[in-house]
Amino acid sequence: MTNGKQFNLGGLMLDLRLNGKAILNIEKRLGTSIMSLYMGGNGGVVLPATNKLLIVLQGANQTHGITDKDMIGGFEKYLEAGNTPMDLNNVIQELLDEAGFFGKKKDDTKTDGESAETTLDGEPTEVTDPEETL
């Protein structure tokens, strides 16, 4: 697995990667899709609330042990250093772009020999040959 994007949030070194598990966890915590954060009620583009930006960053972070309190403290130091919430938005836009939210080409490589797949319920299920189910 490739390394994520390194990002310093007020002294907290975050390793950011929007993989499938991170996306599902972020959307569960937000109660909405990541892309809907940028859509207003009239269909226009809006800047999400800063706490939502921090939730996305924390969900994408692959460094273990960083709590909400740590994120808030890092954000305060980030602002004190002259950065803005718009700077956080730019980082998230880059993550979304790298994760394919804006039309990334798919890799056609497939893994053979997998015996179970992960479901949204978290229960593995047997992968069957599609021809056997006809």
C-alpha atoms as a PDB file:
ATOM      1  CA  MET A   1       0.000   0.000   0.000  1.00  0.00           C
ATOM      2  CA  THR A   2       1.281   3.432  -0.868  1.00  0.00           C
ATOM      3  CA  ASN A   3       1.979   6.071   1.706  1.00  0.00           C
ATOM      4  CA  GLY A   4      -0.555   8.816   2.125  1.00  0.00           C
ATOM      5  CA  LYS A   5      -0.162  12.562   1.950  1.00  0.00           C
ATOM      6  CA  GLN A   6       1.884  13.919   4.857  1.00  0.00           C
ATOM      7  CA  PHE A   7       0.271  16.953   6.483  1.00  0.00           C
ATOM      8  CA  ASN A   8       1.328  18.989   9.512  1.00  0.00           C
ATOM      9  CA  LEU A   9      -1.680  20.265  11.462  1.00  0.00           C
ATOM     10  CA  GLY A  10      -0.190  22.537  14.105  1.00  0.00           C
ATOM     11  CA  GLY A  11       2.535  20.091  15.060  1.00  0.00           C
ATOM     12  CA  LEU A  12       0.486  16.913  14.488  1.00  0.00           C
ATOM     13  CA  MET A  13       1.962  14.900  11.636  1.00  0.00           C
ATOM     14  CA  LEU A  14      -0.951  13.285   9.819  1.00  0.00           C
ATOM     15  CA  ASP A  15      -0.666  10.569   7.187  1.00  0.00           C
ATOM     16  CA  LEU A  16      -3.742  11.212   5.053  1.00  0.00           C
ATOM     17  CA  ARG A  17      -5.265   8.634   2.730  1.00  0.00           C
ATOM     18  CA  LEU A  18      -8.870   8.345   1.564  1.00  0.00           C
ATOM     19  CA  ASN A  19      -9.185   4.616   1.075  1.00  0.00           C
ATOM     20  CA  GLY A  20     -12.537   2.831   1.038  1.00  0.00           C
ATOM     21  CA  LYS A  21     -12.626   2.153   4.779  1.00  0.00           C
ATOM     22  CA  ALA A  22     -11.767   5.779   5.590  1.00  0.00           C
ATOM     23  CA  ILE A  23     -14.485   7.071   3.245  1.00  0.00           C
ATOM     24  CA  LEU A  24     -17.125   4.829   4.834  1.00  0.00           C
ATOM     25  CA  ASN A  25     -16.096   5.839   8.363  1.00  0.00           C
ATOM     26  CA  ILE A  26     -16.069   9.551   7.510  1.00  0.00           C
ATOM     27  CA  GLU A  27     -19.482   9.402   5.867  1.00  0.00           C
ATOM     28  CA  LYS A  28     -20.900   7.456   8.819  1.00  0.00           C
ATOM     29  CA  ARG A  29     -19.597  10.068  11.251  1.00  0.00           C
ATOM     30  CA  LEU A  30     -20.829  12.988   9.122  1.00  0.00           C
ATOM     31  CA  GLY A  31     -24.185  11.369   8.379  1.00  0.00           C
ATOM     32  CA  THR A  32     -23.826  12.342   4.724  1.00  0.00           C
ATOM     33  CA  SER A  33     -21.581  11.772   1.724  1.00  0.00           C
ATOM     34  CA  ILE A  34     -18.277  13.607   1.571  1.00  0.00           C
ATOM     35  CA  MET A  35     -19.257  15.308  -1.674  1.00  0.00           C
ATOM     36  CA  SER A  36     -22.508  16.632  -0.183  1.00  0.00           C
ATOM     37  CA  LEU A  37     -20.389  18.758   2.164  1.00  0.00           C
ATOM     38  CA  TYR A  38     -19.700  20.999  -0.814  1.00  0.00           C
ATOM     39  CA  MET A  39     -23.292  21.286  -2.075  1.00  0.00           C
ATOM     40  CA  GLY A  40     -25.704  23.930  -0.817  1.00  0.00           C
ATOM     41  CA  GLY A  41     -29.485  23.583  -0.690  1.00  0.00           C
ATOM     42  CA  ASN A  42     -29.884  25.338  -4.039  1.00  0.00           C
ATOM     43  CA  GLY A  43     -27.265  23.157  -5.743  1.00  0.00           C
ATOM     44  CA  GLY A  44     -24.499  25.743  -5.417  1.00  0.00           C
ATOM     45  CA  VAL A  45     -21.026  25.056  -4.092  1.00  0.00           C
ATOM     46  CA  VAL A  46     -20.372  25.909  -0.434  1.00  0.00           C
ATOM     47  CA  LEU A  47     -17.416  25.683   1.933  1.00  0.00           C
ATOM     48  CA  PRO A  48     -18.117  23.103   4.659  1.00  0.00           C
ATOM     49  CA  ALA A  49     -18.033  23.970   8.344  1.00  0.00           C
ATOM     50  CA  THR A  50     -14.543  23.713   9.816  1.00  0.00           C
ATOM     51  CA  ASN A  51     -15.509  20.930  12.236  1.00  0.00           C
ATOM     52  CA  LYS A  52     -16.581  18.845   9.231  1.00  0.00           C
ATOM     53  CA  LEU A  53     -13.254  19.516   7.518  1.00  0.00           C
ATOM     54  CA  LEU A  54     -11.486  18.293  10.667  1.00  0.00           C
ATOM     55  CA  ILE A  55     -13.672  15.155  10.724  1.00  0.00           C
ATOM     56  CA  VAL A  56     -12.610  14.397   7.143  1.00  0.00           C
ATOM     57  CA  LEU A  57      -8.941  14.950   8.019  1.00  0.00           C
ATOM     58  CA  GLN A  58      -9.178  12.778  11.121  1.00  0.00           C
ATOM     59  CA  GLY A  59     -10.994  10.032   9.200  1.00  0.00           C
ATOM     60  CA  ALA A  60      -8.382  10.082   6.436  1.00  0.00           C
ATOM     61  CA  ASN A  61      -5.529  10.066   8.951  1.00  0.00           C
ATOM     62  CA  GLN A  62      -3.664   6.752   9.102  1.00  0.00           C
ATOM     63  CA  THR A  63      -1.597   7.735  12.178  1.00  0.00           C
ATOM     64  CA  HIS A  64      -3.054   5.944  15.185  1.00  0.00           C
ATOM     65  CA  GLY A  65      -3.932   7.522  18.512  1.00  0.00           C
ATOM     66  CA  ILE A  66      -4.913  11.030  17.383  1.00  0.00           C
ATOM     67  CA  THR A  67      -8.105  12.072  19.197  1.00  0.00           C
ATOM     68  CA  ASP A  68     -10.671  14.816  18.570  1.00  0.00           C
ATOM     69  CA  LYS A  69      -8.974  16.828  21.333  1.00  0.00           C
ATOM     70  CA  ASP A  70      -5.614  16.436  19.549  1.00  0.00           C
ATOM     71  CA  MET A  71      -7.170  17.582  16.258  1.00  0.00           C
ATOM     72  CA  ILE A  72      -8.716  20.668  17.896  1.00  0.00           C
ATOM     73  CA  GLY A  73      -5.420  21.586  19.575  1.00  0.00           C
ATOM     74  CA  GLY A  74      -3.537  21.081  16.323  1.00  0.00           C
ATOM     75  CA  PHE A  75      -6.089  23.199  14.493  1.00  0.00           C
ATOM     76  CA  GLU A  76      -5.691  26.034  17.008  1.00  0.00           C
ATOM     77  CA  LYS A  77      -1.899  25.983  16.514  1.00  0.00           C
ATOM     78  CA  TYR A  78      -2.428  25.755  12.737  1.00  0.00           C
ATOM     79  CA  LEU A  79      -4.474  28.972  12.840  1.00  0.00           C
ATOM     80  CA  GLU A  80      -1.982  30.684  15.171  1.00  0.00           C
ATOM     81  CA  ALA A  81       0.712  29.960  12.576  1.00  0.00           C
ATOM     82  CA  GLY A  82      -1.232  32.070  10.051  1.00  0.00           C
ATOM     83  CA  ASN A  83      -3.152  29.356   8.217  1.00  0.00           C
ATOM     84  CA  THR A  84      -6.888  29.475   7.482  1.00  0.00           C
ATOM     85  CA  PRO A  85      -9.784  27.018   7.242  1.00  0.00           C
ATOM     86  CA  MET A  86      -9.590  27.543   3.462  1.00  0.00           C
ATOM     87  CA  ASP A  87      -6.086  26.042   3.605  1.00  0.00           C
ATOM     88  CA  LEU A  88      -7.631  22.916   5.192  1.00  0.00           C
ATOM     89  CA  ASN A  89     -10.207  22.843   2.432  1.00  0.00           C
ATOM     90  CA  ASN A  90      -7.431  22.851  -0.175  1.00  0.00           C
ATOM     91  CA  VAL A  91      -5.797  19.825   1.483  1.00  0.00           C
ATOM     92  CA  ILE A  92      -9.119  17.968   1.453  1.00  0.00           C
ATOM     93  CA  GLN A  93      -9.697  18.889  -2.202  1.00  0.00           C
ATOM     94  CA  GLU A  94      -6.320  17.307  -3.030  1.00  0.00           C
ATOM     95  CA  LEU A  95      -7.271  14.168  -1.089  1.00  0.00           C
ATOM     96  CA  LEU A  96     -10.595  13.919  -2.899  1.00  0.00           C
ATOM     97  CA  ASP A  97      -8.854  14.336  -6.231  1.00  0.00           C
ATOM     98  CA  GLU A  98      -6.273  11.638  -5.400  1.00  0.00           C
ATOM     99  CA  ALA A  99      -9.068   9.296  -4.254  1.00  0.00           C
ATOM    100  CA  GLY A 100     -10.889   9.681  -7.571  1.00  0.00           C
ATOM    101  CA  PHE A 101     -13.863  11.778  -6.502  1.00  0.00           C
ATOM    102  CA  PHE A 102     -13.327  13.999  -9.536  1.00  0.00           C
ATOM    103  CA  GLY A 103     -12.979  11.286 -12.174  1.00  0.00           C
ATOM    104  CA  LYS A 104      -9.814   9.268 -11.615  1.00  0.00           C
ATOM    105  CA  LYS A 105      -9.191   6.481 -14.111  1.00  0.00           C
ATOM    106  CA  LYS A 106      -9.809   3.036 -12.677  1.00  0.00           C
ATOM    107  CA  ASP A 107      -7.073   0.437 -12.500  1.00  0.00           C
ATOM    108  CA  ASP A 108      -8.281  -2.647 -14.350  1.00  0.00           C
ATOM    109  CA  THR A 109      -6.156  -5.069 -12.369  1.00  0.00           C
ATOM    110  CA  LYS A 110      -8.118  -7.676 -10.434  1.00  0.00           C
ATOM    111  CA  THR A 111      -7.112 -10.005  -7.655  1.00  0.00           C
ATOM    112  CA  ASP A 112      -7.866 -13.670  -8.274  1.00  0.00           C
ATOM    113  CA  GLY A 113      -8.370 -16.289  -5.612  1.00  0.00           C
ATOM    114  CA  GLU A 114     -10.205 -14.237  -2.999  1.00  0.00           C
ATOM    115  CA  SER A 115     -12.510 -16.493  -0.995  1.00  0.00           C
ATOM    116  CA  ALA A 116     -14.577 -13.882   0.833  1.00  0.00           C
ATOM    117  CA  GLU A 117     -15.631 -10.318   0.318  1.00  0.00           C
ATOM    118  CA  THR A 118     -16.253  -7.599   2.853  1.00  0.00           C
ATOM    119  CA  THR A 119     -19.832  -6.353   3.041  1.00  0.00           C
ATOM    120  CA  LEU A 120     -21.238  -3.102   4.332  1.00  0.00           C
ATOM    121  CA  ASP A 121     -22.550  -5.059   7.309  1.00  0.00           C
ATOM    122  CA  GLY A 122     -19.000  -6.071   8.201  1.00  0.00           C
ATOM    123  CA  GLU A 123     -19.784  -9.778   7.751  1.00  0.00           C
ATOM    124  CA  PRO A 124     -17.675 -11.663   5.209  1.00  0.00           C
ATOM    125  CA  THR A 125     -19.637 -13.547   2.584  1.00  0.00           C
ATOM    126  CA  GLU A 126     -18.581 -16.328   0.276  1.00  0.00           C
ATOM    127  CA  VAL A 127     -17.750 -15.217  -3.243  1.00  0.00           C
ATOM    128  CA  THR A 128     -19.502 -17.490  -5.691  1.00  0.00           C
ATOM    129  CA  ASP A 129     -18.907 -18.046  -9.346  1.00  0.00           C
ATOM    130  CA  PRO A 130     -21.566 -15.939 -11.154  1.00  0.00           C
ATOM    131  CA  GLU A 131     -22.186 -18.802 -13.599  1.00  0.00           C
ATOM    132  CA  GLU A 132     -23.115 -21.119 -10.728  1.00  0.00           C
ATOM    133  CA  THR A 133     -25.969 -18.852  -9.657  1.00  0.00           C
ATOM    134  CA  LEU A 134     -27.781 -18.854 -13.015  1.00  0.00           C
END
